[in-house]
């Protein structure tokens, strides 16, 4: 079952440099179907949907590990077996000493047209 985000939903999470969740806001917890306590310490891949091609996440990781911001469409899985689509912006976090300390991800609702284009692209990547 698809969970469609509201226009006001804004999902935020922060991970350490290995992708383990350090923080998740209320919208992220609500949409994904987990409590904050269940998400903290888990790999962010806990919400990875099997329809997402590995190449998309390789591009994401290659981009943020090089210190750049990544943006793209992501289909995520919910705890109850459903899914939701988001437009994600992933930022590398830099500590006061200038060292990479993890990643911040902000996600918003996408349109049906954006989902359709992402599905076509991701099918071609398999």
C-alpha atoms as a PDB file:
ATOM      1  CA  UNK A   1       0.000   0.000   0.000  1.00  0.00           C
ATOM      2  CA  UNK A   2       1.298   3.433  -0.909  1.00  0.00           C
ATOM      3  CA  UNK A   3       1.515   6.069   1.813  1.00  0.00           C
ATOM      4  CA  UNK A   4       1.168   9.468   0.136  1.00  0.00           C
ATOM      5  CA  UNK A   5       2.843  12.321   1.935  1.00  0.00           C
ATOM      6  CA  UNK A   6       0.949  15.519   2.642  1.00  0.00           C
ATOM      7  CA  UNK A   7       2.322  18.763   1.216  1.00  0.00           C
ATOM      8  CA  UNK A   8       3.248  19.780   4.769  1.00  0.00           C
ATOM      9  CA  UNK A   9       5.244  16.601   5.524  1.00  0.00           C
ATOM     10  CA  UNK A  10       8.981  17.186   5.727  1.00  0.00           C
ATOM     11  CA  UNK A  11      11.024  14.146   6.715  1.00  0.00           C
ATOM     12  CA  UNK A  12      14.418  14.738   8.332  1.00  0.00           C
ATOM     13  CA  UNK A  13      17.024  12.290   9.558  1.00  0.00           C
ATOM     14  CA  UNK A  14      20.671  12.432  10.534  1.00  0.00           C
ATOM     15  CA  UNK A  15      23.126   9.539  10.386  1.00  0.00           C
ATOM     16  CA  UNK A  16      26.683   8.928  11.409  1.00  0.00           C
ATOM     17  CA  UNK A  17      29.329   8.379   8.732  1.00  0.00           C
ATOM     18  CA  UNK A  18      28.353   4.700   8.443  1.00  0.00           C
ATOM     19  CA  UNK A  19      24.654   5.435   7.857  1.00  0.00           C
ATOM     20  CA  UNK A  20      23.334   4.602  11.366  1.00  0.00           C
ATOM     21  CA  UNK A  21      20.439   6.817  12.388  1.00  0.00           C
ATOM     22  CA  UNK A  22      21.232   9.410  15.079  1.00  0.00           C
ATOM     23  CA  UNK A  23      18.069  11.513  14.729  1.00  0.00           C
ATOM     24  CA  UNK A  24      14.691  11.318  12.992  1.00  0.00           C
ATOM     25  CA  UNK A  25      11.923  13.888  13.151  1.00  0.00           C
ATOM     26  CA  UNK A  26       8.281  13.184  13.897  1.00  0.00           C
ATOM     27  CA  UNK A  27       7.217  13.199  10.219  1.00  0.00           C
ATOM     28  CA  UNK A  28       9.837  10.581   9.326  1.00  0.00           C
ATOM     29  CA  UNK A  29       8.816   8.333  12.224  1.00  0.00           C
ATOM     30  CA  UNK A  30       5.100   8.693  11.393  1.00  0.00           C
ATOM     31  CA  UNK A  31       5.438   7.952   7.672  1.00  0.00           C
ATOM     32  CA  UNK A  32       7.948   5.085   8.086  1.00  0.00           C
ATOM     33  CA  UNK A  33       5.900   3.574  10.921  1.00  0.00           C
ATOM     34  CA  UNK A  34       8.640   3.405  13.554  1.00  0.00           C
ATOM     35  CA  UNK A  35       9.105   5.124  16.884  1.00  0.00           C
ATOM     36  CA  UNK A  36      12.187   7.297  17.342  1.00  0.00           C
ATOM     37  CA  UNK A  37      13.559   4.743  19.807  1.00  0.00           C
ATOM     38  CA  UNK A  38      13.229   1.975  17.206  1.00  0.00           C
ATOM     39  CA  UNK A  39      15.098   4.012  14.581  1.00  0.00           C
ATOM     40  CA  UNK A  40      18.028   5.333  16.643  1.00  0.00           C
ATOM     41  CA  UNK A  41      21.111   3.196  16.001  1.00  0.00           C
ATOM     42  CA  UNK A  42      19.560   1.352  13.051  1.00  0.00           C
ATOM     43  CA  UNK A  43      21.070   1.589   9.554  1.00  0.00           C
ATOM     44  CA  UNK A  44      19.119   4.062   7.406  1.00  0.00           C
ATOM     45  CA  UNK A  45      18.610   1.161   5.010  1.00  0.00           C
ATOM     46  CA  UNK A  46      15.871   0.006   7.428  1.00  0.00           C
ATOM     47  CA  UNK A  47      13.542   1.966   5.100  1.00  0.00           C
ATOM     48  CA  UNK A  48      15.150   0.879   1.822  1.00  0.00           C
ATOM     49  CA  UNK A  49      12.609  -0.512  -0.607  1.00  0.00           C
ATOM     50  CA  UNK A  50      13.603  -3.517  -2.719  1.00  0.00           C
ATOM     51  CA  UNK A  51      12.458  -1.712  -5.897  1.00  0.00           C
ATOM     52  CA  UNK A  52      15.309   0.794  -5.539  1.00  0.00           C
ATOM     53  CA  UNK A  53      18.304  -0.108  -7.711  1.00  0.00           C
ATOM     54  CA  UNK A  54      21.656  -0.429  -5.932  1.00  0.00           C
ATOM     55  CA  UNK A  55      23.164   1.968  -8.490  1.00  0.00           C
ATOM     56  CA  UNK A  56      21.005   4.808  -7.139  1.00  0.00           C
ATOM     57  CA  UNK A  57      22.422   4.358  -3.640  1.00  0.00           C
ATOM     58  CA  UNK A  58      25.946   3.945  -4.984  1.00  0.00           C
ATOM     59  CA  UNK A  59      25.549   7.332  -6.653  1.00  0.00           C
ATOM     60  CA  UNK A  60      24.179   8.816  -3.419  1.00  0.00           C
ATOM     61  CA  UNK A  61      27.088   7.494  -1.318  1.00  0.00           C
ATOM     62  CA  UNK A  62      29.748   8.406  -3.895  1.00  0.00           C
ATOM     63  CA  UNK A  63      28.354  11.946  -4.025  1.00  0.00           C
ATOM     64  CA  UNK A  64      28.062  12.645  -0.292  1.00  0.00           C
ATOM     65  CA  UNK A  65      31.356  10.957   0.554  1.00  0.00           C
ATOM     66  CA  UNK A  66      33.023  13.365  -1.881  1.00  0.00           C
ATOM     67  CA  UNK A  67      31.594  16.261   0.154  1.00  0.00           C
ATOM     68  CA  UNK A  68      28.821  17.159  -2.287  1.00  0.00           C
ATOM     69  CA  UNK A  69      25.041  17.343  -1.857  1.00  0.00           C
ATOM     70  CA  UNK A  70      22.951  14.579  -3.492  1.00  0.00           C
ATOM     71  CA  UNK A  71      19.356  14.981  -4.636  1.00  0.00           C
ATOM     72  CA  UNK A  72      17.037  12.408  -6.093  1.00  0.00           C
ATOM     73  CA  UNK A  73      13.793  10.471  -5.914  1.00  0.00           C
ATOM     74  CA  UNK A  74      13.614   7.579  -3.488  1.00  0.00           C
ATOM     75  CA  UNK A  75      11.024   4.882  -2.894  1.00  0.00           C
ATOM     76  CA  UNK A  76      11.186   3.840   0.761  1.00  0.00           C
ATOM     77  CA  UNK A  77       9.568   0.963   2.618  1.00  0.00           C
ATOM     78  CA  UNK A  78       7.343   1.348   5.665  1.00  0.00           C
ATOM     79  CA  UNK A  79       7.290  -0.920   8.686  1.00  0.00           C
ATOM     80  CA  UNK A  80       3.867  -2.295   7.701  1.00  0.00           C
ATOM     81  CA  UNK A  81       5.054  -3.427   4.245  1.00  0.00           C
ATOM     82  CA  UNK A  82       3.884  -0.354   2.381  1.00  0.00           C
ATOM     83  CA  UNK A  83       5.959   2.282   0.649  1.00  0.00           C
ATOM     84  CA  UNK A  84       6.278   6.013   0.089  1.00  0.00           C
ATOM     85  CA  UNK A  85       8.073   8.195  -2.455  1.00  0.00           C
ATOM     86  CA  UNK A  86      10.132  11.255  -1.568  1.00  0.00           C
ATOM     87  CA  UNK A  87      12.421  13.798  -3.164  1.00  0.00           C
ATOM     88  CA  UNK A  88      15.533  13.598  -1.003  1.00  0.00           C
ATOM     89  CA  UNK A  89      18.353  16.025  -0.448  1.00  0.00           C
ATOM     90  CA  UNK A  90      21.304  14.479   1.402  1.00  0.00           C
ATOM     91  CA  UNK A  91      23.994  16.722   2.866  1.00  0.00           C
ATOM     92  CA  UNK A  92      27.367  15.710   4.282  1.00  0.00           C
ATOM     93  CA  UNK A  93      27.691  17.046   7.861  1.00  0.00           C
ATOM     94  CA  UNK A  94      30.936  18.738   8.786  1.00  0.00           C
ATOM     95  CA  UNK A  95      31.987  19.179  12.416  1.00  0.00           C
ATOM     96  CA  UNK A  96      33.651  22.300  13.840  1.00  0.00           C
ATOM     97  CA  UNK A  97      37.088  20.882  12.990  1.00  0.00           C
ATOM     98  CA  UNK A  98      36.153  20.536   9.316  1.00  0.00           C
ATOM     99  CA  UNK A  99      35.835  16.745   9.480  1.00  0.00           C
ATOM    100  CA  UNK A 100      32.959  14.809   7.945  1.00  0.00           C
ATOM    101  CA  UNK A 101      30.759  13.614  10.790  1.00  0.00           C
ATOM    102  CA  UNK A 102      27.790  12.037   9.054  1.00  0.00           C
ATOM    103  CA  UNK A 103      24.863  12.979   6.859  1.00  0.00           C
ATOM    104  CA  UNK A 104      21.602  14.911   7.022  1.00  0.00           C
ATOM    105  CA  UNK A 105      18.679  13.986   4.792  1.00  0.00           C
ATOM    106  CA  UNK A 106      15.617  16.148   4.137  1.00  0.00           C
ATOM    107  CA  UNK A 107      12.721  14.737   2.162  1.00  0.00           C
ATOM    108  CA  UNK A 108       9.477  16.111   0.750  1.00  0.00           C
ATOM    109  CA  UNK A 109       6.393  14.960  -1.163  1.00  0.00           C
ATOM    110  CA  UNK A 110       6.710  14.235  -4.884  1.00  0.00           C
ATOM    111  CA  UNK A 111       4.132  14.535  -7.653  1.00  0.00           C
ATOM    112  CA  UNK A 112       2.693  11.562  -9.541  1.00  0.00           C
ATOM    113  CA  UNK A 113       4.592  12.756 -12.636  1.00  0.00           C
ATOM    114  CA  UNK A 114       7.891  12.763 -10.716  1.00  0.00           C
ATOM    115  CA  UNK A 115       7.197   9.243  -9.443  1.00  0.00           C
ATOM    116  CA  UNK A 116       6.430   8.008 -12.956  1.00  0.00           C
ATOM    117  CA  UNK A 117       9.689   9.465 -14.321  1.00  0.00           C
ATOM    118  CA  UNK A 118      11.691   7.953 -11.427  1.00  0.00           C
ATOM    119  CA  UNK A 119      10.096   4.527 -11.961  1.00  0.00           C
ATOM    120  CA  UNK A 120      11.044   4.589 -15.656  1.00  0.00           C
ATOM    121  CA  UNK A 121      14.610   5.626 -14.823  1.00  0.00           C
ATOM    122  CA  UNK A 122      15.037   3.018 -12.080  1.00  0.00           C
ATOM    123  CA  UNK A 123      13.662   0.193 -14.271  1.00  0.00           C
ATOM    124  CA  UNK A 124      16.343   1.062 -16.827  1.00  0.00           C
ATOM    125  CA  UNK A 125      19.040   0.760 -14.133  1.00  0.00           C
ATOM    126  CA  UNK A 126      18.296  -2.857 -13.295  1.00  0.00           C
END
